[in-house]
Amino acid sequence: MTRIALAQSPARRLLIAATAAAAGAAFALSGAGSAGSAGSAGYPVVQPNAQDSVQVATGVLPPTQAACNAVGRRCFTPTSMQNSYDISPLLNAGNDGHGKTIAIIDSFGYDTVASDLENFSKQFGLPLMCGMPNVTCAPGMPTFEWDQWDGKRPIKQPPSGSHGTGQQDSNAWAEEVALDTQWAHATAPGANIILMSTSVAETQGVQGLPQMMNAEQYLVDNHLADVVSQSFSTAEPDFHGNAIQNLRHAFISGTTAGVTFLSSSGDSGTENNAKTPIKNPAALDTPSVGWPASDPLVTAVGGTYLCTDGATGTTVDSTSPGGLCSKYPGQRDVGWTDSGGGYSSLFARPSYQDTLPAGSTPIGAMRGVPDIAYQASAGTGVLIYDTAPGDNGGSDVNDGSWYVIGGTSSSCPQWAGLVAIADQMAGHDLGLIQPKLYSLASGPDYGTYFFDVTTGNNTVSSTVPGYPATAGWDPVTGLGTPDAAKLLPVLGE
């Protein structure tokens, strides 16, 4: 593995295994505890879950809300997002993830990721990080580190005449990487961040997922991360035989060691693509969910349209452009049409889903997805700063571009930031958080800890049925979105 020497590495800490063992006791762990061999299994293509983006400005300064409205979007900044989900009181009290490390797993990375994170932070008044190129490290400063798992430089563009999917182009993942790093930092500005990238062409065969999972195993084995954010997914029906069991080793050993794993639930509602053909895969004709979100050891994060004021986040706004907010007046969150959700075909219902809030959509014998939700629609999206070549219309030169972007790739790193804050407040790593999430939601104070999302659905196809958002748990938004100031202090109790 090649470590990009931006500055000093985050402090290495031993995780508290006893805490995680208690959290994982809700149901038995199964499978190998260390990295297994991929063998000759045919692993499906990995899809980044950054669903949609629109360029709204160039240069170093972020766009105005008026500029976002002009392209039919509302744009959330770190401040307006912190206010929307009641994170601001925690940050004001010094609960910002300090001392905790979020690991982000992505393909490729891109050369200007650290400087883009630096400009994003400067423009929005976020703490600068040791590891940003123009920043002098100081004691107590959070750190940013980019680790390349296989030590190879990424392929910048597909070779001439390529007949592949195009995902071997590292620029195709650049927006994903910018989104993950910038919004993990925006949510938990005191936390360290490790970007762990795999420099692998995401093509059909044995490439992609094994490298990502082995990279996660390295993080676990070397006690490098408290929280792991995964903004990628593959449809469950695309796996065959024991393929998934050979991949989930890091989740098993990591959960025992106290690491919390989160994953985007997907950006296709209940409709997913088959493994083949490679270039233009056919759609599956029945509802399905994606892995790793469907894994019972992973917290699955679904998506919503966030219908608060894009400039401040302090009030509900049902009239400004963006998403389906105008269709549901007065609602602060609406179930996002593309939010991945449904029921696993591979994993049985875990015991933490045995008891649900009143009015919930029933969960049968199989694992329900997602567990929780957060803003995801690009119509009510977040701003990112991205200078990767090719990301402003295909040019090899980028003059610095601001995009409003969406997808459950937005939901996942922000929830990872929340978990880092909860870890800090608890004084230990929380590991598997679903047992406590469902216990709190099934108690008398459900409405205190969660915003129950009861409108919207995830039907994206006329031939593949989706599900409606309902009271309590549902296969669109899970238990709902968080009231962070009330939920996070009790999550670690």
Protein backbone atom coordinates (compact mmCIF):
# COMPACT_ATOMS: atom_id res chain seq x y z
CA MET A 1 0.00 0.00 0.00
CA THR A 2 1.25 3.46 -0.88
CA ARG A 3 0.58 6.26 1.57
CA ILE A 4 0.48 9.72 0.01
CA ALA A 5 2.80 11.77 2.22
CA LEU A 6 0.65 14.86 2.68
CA ALA A 7 1.65 15.35 6.27
CA GLN A 8 1.71 13.40 9.50
CA SER A 9 -0.59 10.39 9.76
CA PRO A 10 -3.55 10.32 12.14
CA ALA A 11 -2.75 9.08 15.62
CA ARG A 12 -3.00 5.30 15.77
CA ARG A 13 -5.15 3.95 18.52
CA LEU A 14 -6.12 0.55 19.80
CA LEU A 15 -9.86 0.08 19.58
CA ILE A 16 -11.89 -1.02 22.56
CA ALA A 17 -12.89 -4.53 21.63
CA ALA A 18 -15.01 -5.21 24.69
CA THR A 19 -17.52 -2.50 23.79
CA ALA A 20 -17.95 -3.84 20.28
CA ALA A 21 -18.32 -7.39 21.50
CA ALA A 22 -21.23 -6.29 23.64
CA ALA A 23 -22.83 -4.42 20.75
CA GLY A 24 -22.37 -7.38 18.43
CA ALA A 25 -24.04 -9.75 20.87
CA ALA A 26 -27.46 -8.97 19.41
CA PHE A 27 -26.92 -11.80 16.99
CA ALA A 28 -24.16 -14.23 16.11
CA LEU A 29 -21.32 -13.29 13.80
CA SER A 30 -20.49 -15.81 11.12
CA GLY A 31 -17.64 -16.27 8.67
CA ALA A 32 -13.89 -15.86 8.63
CA GLY A 33 -12.24 -13.27 10.79
CA SER A 34 -9.48 -12.37 8.37
CA ALA A 35 -9.14 -11.60 4.69
CA GLY A 36 -10.19 -14.56 2.60
CA SER A 37 -9.15 -15.51 -0.89
CA ALA A 38 -11.35 -14.31 -3.69
CA GLY A 39 -10.62 -17.50 -5.57
CA SER A 40 -12.19 -17.63 -8.99
CA ALA A 41 -15.53 -16.14 -7.99
CA GLY A 42 -16.98 -13.76 -10.54
CA TYR A 43 -17.58 -10.58 -8.57
CA PRO A 44 -20.00 -8.04 -10.01
CA VAL A 45 -19.24 -4.47 -10.98
CA VAL A 46 -19.06 -1.91 -8.19
CA GLN A 47 -21.20 1.18 -8.64
CA PRO A 48 -20.49 4.52 -6.94
CA ASN A 49 -23.64 5.92 -5.40
CA ALA A 50 -23.20 9.58 -6.37
CA GLN A 51 -26.46 9.74 -8.28
CA ASP A 52 -26.61 13.10 -10.04
CA SER A 53 -24.76 16.42 -10.17
CA VAL A 54 -25.02 19.81 -11.83
CA GLN A 55 -22.18 22.33 -12.15
CA VAL A 56 -23.34 25.66 -10.73
CA ALA A 57 -20.15 27.75 -10.53
CA THR A 58 -16.46 27.90 -11.44
CA GLY A 59 -13.60 29.38 -9.47
CA VAL A 60 -12.83 29.10 -5.77
CA LEU A 61 -15.94 30.86 -4.44
CA PRO A 62 -19.11 28.80 -3.87
CA PRO A 63 -22.30 29.69 -5.73
CA THR A 64 -25.14 31.68 -4.25
CA GLN A 65 -28.50 30.12 -3.45
CA ALA A 66 -29.91 32.13 -6.35
CA ALA A 67 -27.46 30.44 -8.73
CA CYS A 68 -28.61 27.06 -7.48
CA ASN A 69 -32.26 28.02 -7.83
CA ALA A 70 -31.56 29.11 -11.40
CA VAL A 71 -30.70 25.49 -12.31
CA GLY A 72 -33.73 24.14 -10.46
CA ARG A 73 -31.92 23.08 -7.30
CA ARG A 74 -31.49 24.19 -3.74
CA CYS A 75 -27.95 23.86 -2.37
CA PHE A 76 -27.05 22.97 1.20
CA THR A 77 -23.87 24.23 2.84
CA PRO A 78 -22.27 22.74 5.96
CA THR A 79 -24.04 25.31 8.15
CA SER A 80 -27.49 24.79 6.67
CA MET A 81 -27.08 21.01 6.86
CA GLN A 82 -25.88 21.18 10.47
CA ASN A 83 -28.94 23.23 11.33
CA SER A 84 -31.29 20.98 9.40
CA TYR A 85 -30.38 17.91 11.43
CA ASP A 86 -29.72 19.70 14.74
CA ILE A 87 -25.97 19.06 14.74
CA SER A 88 -25.03 22.66 15.58
CA PRO A 89 -25.62 22.40 19.36
CA LEU A 90 -23.24 19.44 19.52
CA LEU A 91 -20.52 21.22 17.56
CA ASN A 92 -20.91 24.35 19.68
CA ALA A 93 -20.32 22.21 22.77
CA GLY A 94 -17.09 20.79 21.33
CA ASN A 95 -18.54 17.49 20.19
CA ASP A 96 -17.10 17.40 16.68
CA GLY A 97 -15.59 13.91 16.38
CA HIS A 98 -12.24 14.98 17.80
CA GLY A 99 -9.90 12.02 18.34
CA LYS A 100 -11.90 9.70 16.09
CA THR A 101 -11.04 8.58 12.55
CA ILE A 102 -13.43 8.10 9.65
CA ALA A 103 -12.19 5.84 6.84
CA ILE A 104 -13.70 6.42 3.41
CA ILE A 105 -13.46 3.59 0.88
CA ASP A 106 -13.47 4.65 -2.78
CA SER A 107 -11.92 3.77 -6.10
CA PHE A 108 -8.97 5.81 -7.37
CA GLY A 109 -9.08 9.07 -5.48
CA TYR A 110 -7.79 12.02 -7.49
CA ASP A 111 -4.69 14.19 -7.38
CA THR A 112 -6.27 17.39 -6.02
CA VAL A 113 -8.51 15.80 -3.40
CA ALA A 114 -6.60 17.36 -0.47
CA SER A 115 -6.45 20.86 -1.97
CA ASP A 116 -10.14 20.67 -2.90
CA LEU A 117 -10.97 19.70 0.67
CA GLU A 118 -8.85 22.66 1.80
CA ASN A 119 -10.74 25.17 -0.35
CA PHE A 120 -14.10 23.67 0.65
CA SER A 121 -13.11 24.08 4.30
CA LYS A 122 -11.86 27.65 3.87
CA GLN A 123 -14.99 28.77 2.02
CA PHE A 124 -17.32 27.38 4.67
CA GLY A 125 -15.27 28.16 7.78
CA LEU A 126 -14.50 24.54 8.67
CA PRO A 127 -11.33 23.63 10.57
CA LEU A 128 -8.28 23.07 8.37
CA MET A 129 -6.61 19.69 8.55
CA CYS A 130 -3.05 18.54 8.84
CA GLY A 131 -2.50 16.94 5.43
CA MET A 132 -3.94 19.77 3.39
CA PRO A 133 -1.18 21.07 1.09
CA ASN A 134 -1.01 24.67 2.33
CA VAL A 135 -1.62 24.01 6.00
CA THR A 136 0.96 24.00 8.79
CA CYS A 137 0.25 21.15 11.19
CA ALA A 138 -0.40 22.03 14.81
CA PRO A 139 -1.07 19.92 17.90
CA GLY A 140 -4.68 18.80 18.17
CA MET A 141 -5.45 19.51 14.53
CA PRO A 142 -7.52 16.86 12.71
CA THR A 143 -5.61 15.04 9.98
CA PHE A 144 -6.35 14.03 6.41
CA GLU A 145 -4.51 11.13 4.81
CA TRP A 146 -4.87 9.49 1.40
CA ASP A 147 -3.79 5.84 1.35
CA GLN A 148 -3.59 3.95 -1.95
CA TRP A 149 -4.30 0.33 -1.19
CA ASP A 150 -2.41 -1.29 -4.07
CA GLY A 151 0.21 1.41 -4.48
CA LYS A 152 -0.59 2.17 -8.10
CA ARG A 153 -1.54 5.40 -9.76
CA PRO A 154 -5.09 5.33 -11.09
CA ILE A 155 -5.94 5.15 -14.76
CA LYS A 156 -6.96 8.72 -15.63
CA GLN A 157 -9.08 7.87 -18.67
CA PRO A 158 -10.22 4.71 -20.48
CA PRO A 159 -7.82 3.62 -23.23
CA SER A 160 -8.69 4.58 -26.80
CA GLY A 161 -11.24 2.19 -28.28
CA SER A 162 -12.12 0.74 -24.89
CA HIS A 163 -15.27 -1.38 -24.79
CA GLY A 164 -15.49 -1.43 -20.99
CA THR A 165 -17.93 0.31 -18.69
CA GLY A 166 -15.89 3.51 -18.45
CA GLN A 167 -15.55 3.08 -14.69
CA GLN A 168 -11.83 2.43 -15.10
CA ASP A 169 -11.63 6.20 -15.60
CA SER A 170 -10.58 7.62 -12.25
CA ASN A 171 -12.30 10.91 -13.08
CA ALA A 172 -15.62 9.05 -13.10
CA TRP A 173 -15.16 8.58 -9.34
CA ALA A 174 -13.76 12.04 -8.56
CA GLU A 175 -17.10 13.62 -7.67
CA GLU A 176 -17.78 10.64 -5.41
CA VAL A 177 -14.45 11.11 -3.64
CA ALA A 178 -14.97 14.87 -3.25
CA LEU A 179 -18.46 14.29 -1.85
CA ASP A 180 -17.33 11.66 0.64
CA THR A 181 -14.33 13.53 2.00
CA GLN A 182 -15.85 17.01 2.11
CA TRP A 183 -19.11 16.01 3.75
CA ALA A 184 -17.63 13.66 6.31
CA HIS A 185 -15.51 16.66 7.33
CA ALA A 186 -18.49 19.04 7.21
CA THR A 187 -20.41 16.81 9.62
CA ALA A 188 -17.61 15.91 12.05
CA PRO A 189 -15.06 18.70 11.51
CA GLY A 190 -12.82 17.53 14.35
CA ALA A 191 -12.45 13.95 13.16
CA ASN A 192 -9.48 12.56 11.25
CA ILE A 193 -10.17 11.25 7.76
CA ILE A 194 -8.44 8.44 5.89
CA LEU A 195 -9.30 8.17 2.21
CA MET A 196 -8.51 4.55 1.35
CA SER A 197 -8.58 4.16 -2.42
CA THR A 198 -8.15 1.13 -4.65
CA SER A 199 -6.50 1.78 -8.01
CA VAL A 200 -8.41 -0.92 -9.82
CA ALA A 201 -10.41 -0.80 -13.05
CA GLU A 202 -13.94 -1.64 -11.98
CA THR A 203 -14.67 -4.31 -14.57
CA GLN A 204 -16.51 -7.58 -14.48
CA GLY A 205 -14.46 -10.43 -13.05
CA VAL A 206 -12.52 -10.62 -9.81
CA GLN A 207 -11.58 -6.93 -9.71
CA GLY A 208 -13.09 -4.30 -7.46
CA LEU A 209 -14.88 -5.67 -4.42
CA PRO A 210 -12.13 -8.01 -3.15
CA GLN A 211 -9.63 -5.17 -3.16
CA MET A 212 -12.03 -2.87 -1.34
CA MET A 213 -12.80 -5.46 1.32
CA ASN A 214 -9.14 -6.36 1.81
CA ALA A 215 -8.37 -2.66 2.23
CA GLU A 216 -11.02 -2.51 4.94
CA GLN A 217 -9.50 -5.57 6.57
CA TYR A 218 -6.17 -3.74 6.68
CA LEU A 219 -7.83 -0.83 8.46
CA VAL A 220 -9.34 -3.22 11.01
CA ASP A 221 -6.20 -5.28 11.55
CA ASN A 222 -4.10 -2.17 12.14
CA HIS A 223 -6.65 -0.32 14.31
CA LEU A 224 -6.71 2.69 11.99
CA ALA A 225 -10.41 3.63 11.88
CA ASP A 226 -13.37 3.97 14.21
CA VAL A 227 -15.98 4.42 11.47
CA VAL A 228 -15.97 3.17 7.85
CA SER A 229 -18.06 4.86 5.14
CA GLN A 230 -18.88 2.88 1.97
CA SER A 231 -20.57 4.79 -0.85
CA PHE A 232 -20.87 1.93 -3.31
CA SER A 233 -23.13 -1.05 -3.89
CA THR A 234 -23.85 -4.07 -6.04
CA ALA A 235 -27.25 -5.75 -6.37
CA GLU A 236 -27.59 -8.91 -4.32
CA PRO A 237 -28.81 -11.06 -7.26
CA ASP A 238 -25.52 -10.36 -9.03
CA PHE A 239 -23.63 -12.49 -6.50
CA HIS A 240 -23.41 -16.24 -6.87
CA GLY A 241 -22.40 -19.06 -4.58
CA ASN A 242 -20.41 -17.98 -1.54
CA ALA A 243 -19.15 -14.77 -3.11
CA ILE A 244 -20.53 -12.48 -0.41
CA GLN A 245 -19.40 -14.74 2.44
CA ASN A 246 -15.88 -14.51 1.02
CA LEU A 247 -16.09 -10.72 1.07
CA ARG A 248 -17.55 -9.83 4.48
CA HIS A 249 -14.53 -10.78 6.60
CA ALA A 250 -13.73 -7.18 7.56
CA PHE A 251 -17.27 -6.61 8.84
CA ILE A 252 -17.03 -9.64 11.09
CA SER A 253 -13.65 -8.91 12.66
CA GLY A 254 -14.23 -5.15 12.59
CA THR A 255 -17.54 -5.32 14.43
CA THR A 256 -15.90 -7.42 17.12
CA ALA A 257 -13.18 -4.76 17.37
CA GLY A 258 -15.68 -1.91 17.77
CA VAL A 259 -15.65 -0.44 14.26
CA THR A 260 -18.93 0.90 12.85
CA PHE A 261 -19.54 0.18 9.16
CA LEU A 262 -22.04 2.22 7.14
CA SER A 263 -23.13 1.90 3.52
CA SER A 264 -25.26 3.78 1.03
CA SER A 265 -28.49 1.87 0.36
CA GLY A 266 -28.34 2.60 -3.39
CA ASP A 267 -29.71 5.07 -5.90
CA SER A 268 -32.12 3.02 -8.01
CA GLY A 269 -35.06 2.54 -5.68
CA THR A 270 -36.02 -1.12 -5.84
CA GLU A 271 -34.74 -1.57 -9.40
CA ASN A 272 -31.14 -2.70 -9.88
CA ASN A 273 -29.07 -3.84 -12.83
CA ALA A 274 -27.94 -7.35 -13.67
CA LYS A 275 -24.26 -8.23 -13.84
CA THR A 276 -24.31 -8.65 -17.60
CA PRO A 277 -23.98 -7.41 -20.27
CA ILE A 278 -21.05 -5.32 -19.05
CA LYS A 279 -21.49 -2.21 -21.18
CA ASN A 280 -25.28 -1.82 -20.98
CA PRO A 281 -26.52 -4.12 -18.24
CA ALA A 282 -30.14 -5.17 -18.27
CA ALA A 283 -32.43 -4.22 -15.40
CA LEU A 284 -33.49 -6.94 -12.99
CA ASP A 285 -37.21 -7.57 -13.23
CA THR A 286 -37.95 -7.99 -9.52
CA PRO A 287 -37.26 -5.75 -6.49
CA SER A 288 -33.81 -6.15 -4.97
CA VAL A 289 -31.41 -4.48 -2.56
CA GLY A 290 -27.68 -3.87 -2.74
CA TRP A 291 -24.73 -5.14 -0.74
CA PRO A 292 -22.93 -4.12 1.47
CA ALA A 293 -25.97 -2.18 2.74
CA SER A 294 -27.93 -5.42 3.10
CA ASP A 295 -25.31 -6.95 5.40
CA PRO A 296 -26.66 -7.16 8.98
CA LEU A 297 -23.26 -5.93 10.27
CA VAL A 298 -23.53 -2.74 8.18
CA THR A 299 -25.76 0.26 8.93
CA ALA A 300 -27.71 0.90 5.72
CA VAL A 301 -28.33 4.58 4.98
CA GLY A 302 -31.24 5.54 2.73
CA GLY A 303 -32.17 8.92 1.31
CA THR A 304 -34.65 11.78 1.44
CA TYR A 305 -35.52 15.05 -0.20
CA LEU A 306 -34.52 17.57 2.47
CA CYS A 307 -37.17 20.29 2.43
CA THR A 308 -35.61 22.83 4.74
CA ASP A 309 -34.29 26.24 3.71
CA GLY A 310 -31.12 25.73 1.68
CA ALA A 311 -29.47 28.92 2.94
CA THR A 312 -30.08 28.44 6.67
CA GLY A 313 -31.57 25.00 7.31
CA THR A 314 -33.64 26.46 10.13
CA THR A 315 -37.14 26.34 8.61
CA VAL A 316 -39.20 24.11 6.36
CA ASP A 317 -39.28 25.40 2.77
CA SER A 318 -41.90 23.85 0.51
CA THR A 319 -41.71 26.45 -2.25
CA SER A 320 -38.08 26.84 -3.40
CA PRO A 321 -36.90 24.73 -6.34
CA GLY A 322 -35.61 21.23 -5.82
CA GLY A 323 -36.98 17.74 -5.44
CA LEU A 324 -40.58 16.98 -4.52
CA CYS A 325 -40.84 19.42 -1.63
CA SER A 326 -43.67 21.39 -3.21
CA LYS A 327 -45.70 18.18 -3.57
CA TYR A 328 -45.65 17.62 0.19
CA PRO A 329 -46.15 21.04 1.84
CA GLY A 330 -44.95 21.31 5.41
CA GLN A 331 -42.81 18.17 5.36
CA ARG A 332 -39.14 18.60 6.36
CA ASP A 333 -38.06 15.26 4.83
CA VAL A 334 -39.76 13.33 2.04
CA GLY A 335 -38.79 9.80 1.02
CA TRP A 336 -36.46 10.04 -1.98
CA THR A 337 -37.74 8.27 -5.09
CA ASP A 338 -34.33 6.68 -5.79
CA SER A 339 -33.58 5.59 -2.22
CA GLY A 340 -32.48 1.97 -2.30
CA GLY A 341 -34.61 -0.19 -0.05
CA GLY A 342 -36.52 -3.41 0.34
CA TYR A 343 -35.73 -6.85 1.67
CA SER A 344 -32.61 -8.97 1.39
CA SER A 345 -32.68 -12.24 -0.50
CA LEU A 346 -29.49 -13.42 1.24
CA PHE A 347 -29.60 -12.36 4.90
CA ALA A 348 -32.22 -13.34 7.45
CA ARG A 349 -33.87 -10.66 9.55
CA PRO A 350 -31.46 -9.78 12.36
CA SER A 351 -32.78 -9.79 15.91
CA TYR A 352 -32.47 -6.01 16.20
CA GLN A 353 -35.28 -5.71 13.63
CA ASP A 354 -37.65 -7.94 15.62
CA THR A 355 -39.26 -4.94 17.33
CA LEU A 356 -40.24 -1.86 15.33
CA PRO A 357 -41.99 1.46 16.07
CA ALA A 358 -45.79 1.51 15.94
CA GLY A 359 -47.20 1.74 12.41
CA SER A 360 -44.06 0.38 10.76
CA THR A 361 -44.06 -1.50 7.48
CA PRO A 362 -43.65 -5.14 8.56
CA ILE A 363 -40.30 -6.88 8.12
CA GLY A 364 -40.71 -10.56 7.31
CA ALA A 365 -38.12 -13.30 7.51
CA MET A 366 -35.39 -11.37 5.66
CA ARG A 367 -33.31 -8.30 6.55
CA GLY A 368 -35.01 -4.98 5.86
CA VAL A 369 -33.08 -2.15 4.17
CA PRO A 370 -32.31 0.68 5.02
CA ASP A 371 -31.88 1.25 8.76
CA ILE A 372 -31.88 5.06 8.75
CA ALA A 373 -31.84 7.93 6.24
CA TYR A 374 -30.45 11.38 5.46
CA GLN A 375 -30.60 13.98 2.69
CA ALA A 376 -29.86 12.39 -0.72
CA SER A 377 -31.69 14.01 -3.62
CA ALA A 378 -29.54 16.17 -5.92
CA GLY A 379 -32.57 18.44 -6.23
CA THR A 380 -32.05 19.30 -2.56
CA GLY A 381 -28.35 18.54 -2.73
CA VAL A 382 -25.07 19.49 -1.12
CA LEU A 383 -22.29 21.58 -2.64
CA ILE A 384 -18.89 20.07 -3.44
CA TYR A 385 -15.71 21.58 -4.86
CA ASP A 386 -14.02 19.41 -7.49
CA THR A 387 -11.05 20.26 -9.71
CA ALA A 388 -10.45 16.82 -11.22
CA PRO A 389 -9.73 17.04 -14.97
CA GLY A 390 -12.72 15.98 -17.01
CA ASP A 391 -15.35 16.92 -14.47
CA ASN A 392 -16.45 20.14 -16.15
CA GLY A 393 -17.81 18.77 -19.39
CA GLY A 394 -15.10 16.36 -20.50
CA SER A 395 -12.20 18.81 -20.72
CA ASP A 396 -8.77 17.69 -19.56
CA VAL A 397 -8.48 20.98 -17.66
CA ASN A 398 -10.72 22.00 -14.78
CA ASP A 399 -10.80 25.61 -13.61
CA GLY A 400 -12.28 24.67 -10.26
CA SER A 401 -15.93 23.75 -10.23
CA TRP A 402 -18.74 23.75 -7.69
CA TYR A 403 -21.41 21.12 -8.13
CA VAL A 404 -24.68 20.41 -6.38
CA ILE A 405 -24.78 16.66 -6.01
CA GLY A 406 -26.95 13.91 -4.59
CA GLY A 407 -27.25 10.20 -3.99
CA THR A 408 -27.10 8.01 -0.91
CA SER A 409 -23.38 8.71 -1.29
CA SER A 410 -24.29 11.99 0.36
CA SER A 411 -26.24 10.26 3.14
CA CYS A 412 -23.55 7.76 4.11
CA PRO A 413 -20.48 9.93 4.87
CA GLN A 414 -22.64 12.39 6.79
CA TRP A 415 -24.00 9.60 8.98
CA ALA A 416 -20.41 8.40 9.39
CA GLY A 417 -19.62 11.85 10.77
CA LEU A 418 -22.50 11.55 13.21
CA VAL A 419 -21.19 8.21 14.46
CA ALA A 420 -17.74 9.73 14.99
CA ILE A 421 -19.34 12.43 17.14
CA ALA A 422 -21.32 9.79 19.07
CA ASP A 423 -18.10 7.81 19.63
CA GLN A 424 -16.41 10.90 21.03
CA MET A 425 -19.33 11.66 23.33
CA ALA A 426 -19.54 8.08 24.59
CA GLY A 427 -15.80 7.91 25.23
CA HIS A 428 -15.54 4.66 23.29
CA ASP A 429 -16.25 3.22 19.86
CA LEU A 430 -19.83 2.10 19.41
CA GLY A 431 -19.34 -0.69 16.88
CA LEU A 432 -22.66 -2.10 15.72
CA ILE A 433 -25.20 0.68 16.31
CA GLN A 434 -28.39 -0.91 14.97
CA PRO A 435 -29.44 -2.64 18.22
CA LYS A 436 -29.46 0.73 20.02
CA LEU A 437 -31.07 2.56 17.08
CA TYR A 438 -34.00 0.13 16.92
CA SER A 439 -34.32 0.00 20.71
CA LEU A 440 -34.59 3.79 20.92
CA ALA A 441 -37.01 3.94 17.99
CA SER A 442 -39.27 1.30 19.55
CA GLY A 443 -39.44 3.16 22.85
CA PRO A 444 -41.65 6.04 23.98
CA ASP A 445 -39.30 8.76 22.71
CA TYR A 446 -39.07 7.73 19.05
CA GLY A 447 -40.23 11.17 17.88
CA THR A 448 -37.58 12.83 20.04
CA TYR A 449 -34.66 11.04 18.41
CA PHE A 450 -35.88 10.65 14.83
CA PHE A 451 -37.78 12.64 12.23
CA ASP A 452 -40.29 10.03 11.06
CA VAL A 453 -40.53 10.29 7.25
CA THR A 454 -44.04 9.27 6.17
CA THR A 455 -44.35 10.65 2.63
CA GLY A 456 -42.81 9.64 -0.68
CA ASN A 457 -41.88 6.25 -2.14
CA ASN A 458 -39.02 4.48 -3.96
CA THR A 459 -40.80 3.33 -7.11
CA VAL A 460 -38.56 4.23 -10.06
CA SER A 461 -39.84 1.71 -12.61
CA SER A 462 -43.25 0.98 -14.05
CA THR A 463 -42.44 -2.74 -13.99
CA VAL A 464 -40.61 -3.15 -10.65
CA PRO A 465 -42.77 -2.21 -7.64
CA GLY A 466 -41.40 0.02 -4.92
CA TYR A 467 -42.55 0.83 -1.40
CA PRO A 468 -44.19 3.82 0.28
CA ALA A 469 -42.71 5.67 3.22
CA THR A 470 -44.86 4.97 6.28
CA ALA A 471 -44.96 5.71 9.97
CA GLY A 472 -42.11 4.04 11.84
CA TRP A 473 -39.71 1.88 9.85
CA ASP A 474 -40.17 1.60 6.07
CA PRO A 475 -38.10 0.27 3.11
CA VAL A 476 -37.40 3.80 1.85
CA THR A 477 -36.08 5.74 4.86
CA GLY A 478 -35.72 3.08 7.55
CA LEU A 479 -36.36 4.56 10.99
CA GLY A 480 -36.13 8.09 9.55
CA THR A 481 -33.62 10.91 9.79
CA PRO A 482 -31.84 11.98 12.99
CA ASP A 483 -32.32 14.80 15.43
CA ALA A 484 -28.61 14.66 16.17
CA ALA A 485 -28.54 16.80 19.31
CA LYS A 486 -31.00 14.45 20.98
CA LEU A 487 -30.02 11.10 19.43
CA LEU A 488 -26.23 11.10 19.60
CA PRO A 489 -25.84 11.64 23.36
CA VAL A 490 -27.94 8.54 24.10
CA LEU A 491 -26.63 6.37 21.26
CA GLY A 492 -23.61 5.38 23.32
CA GLU A 493 -25.38 4.89 26.65
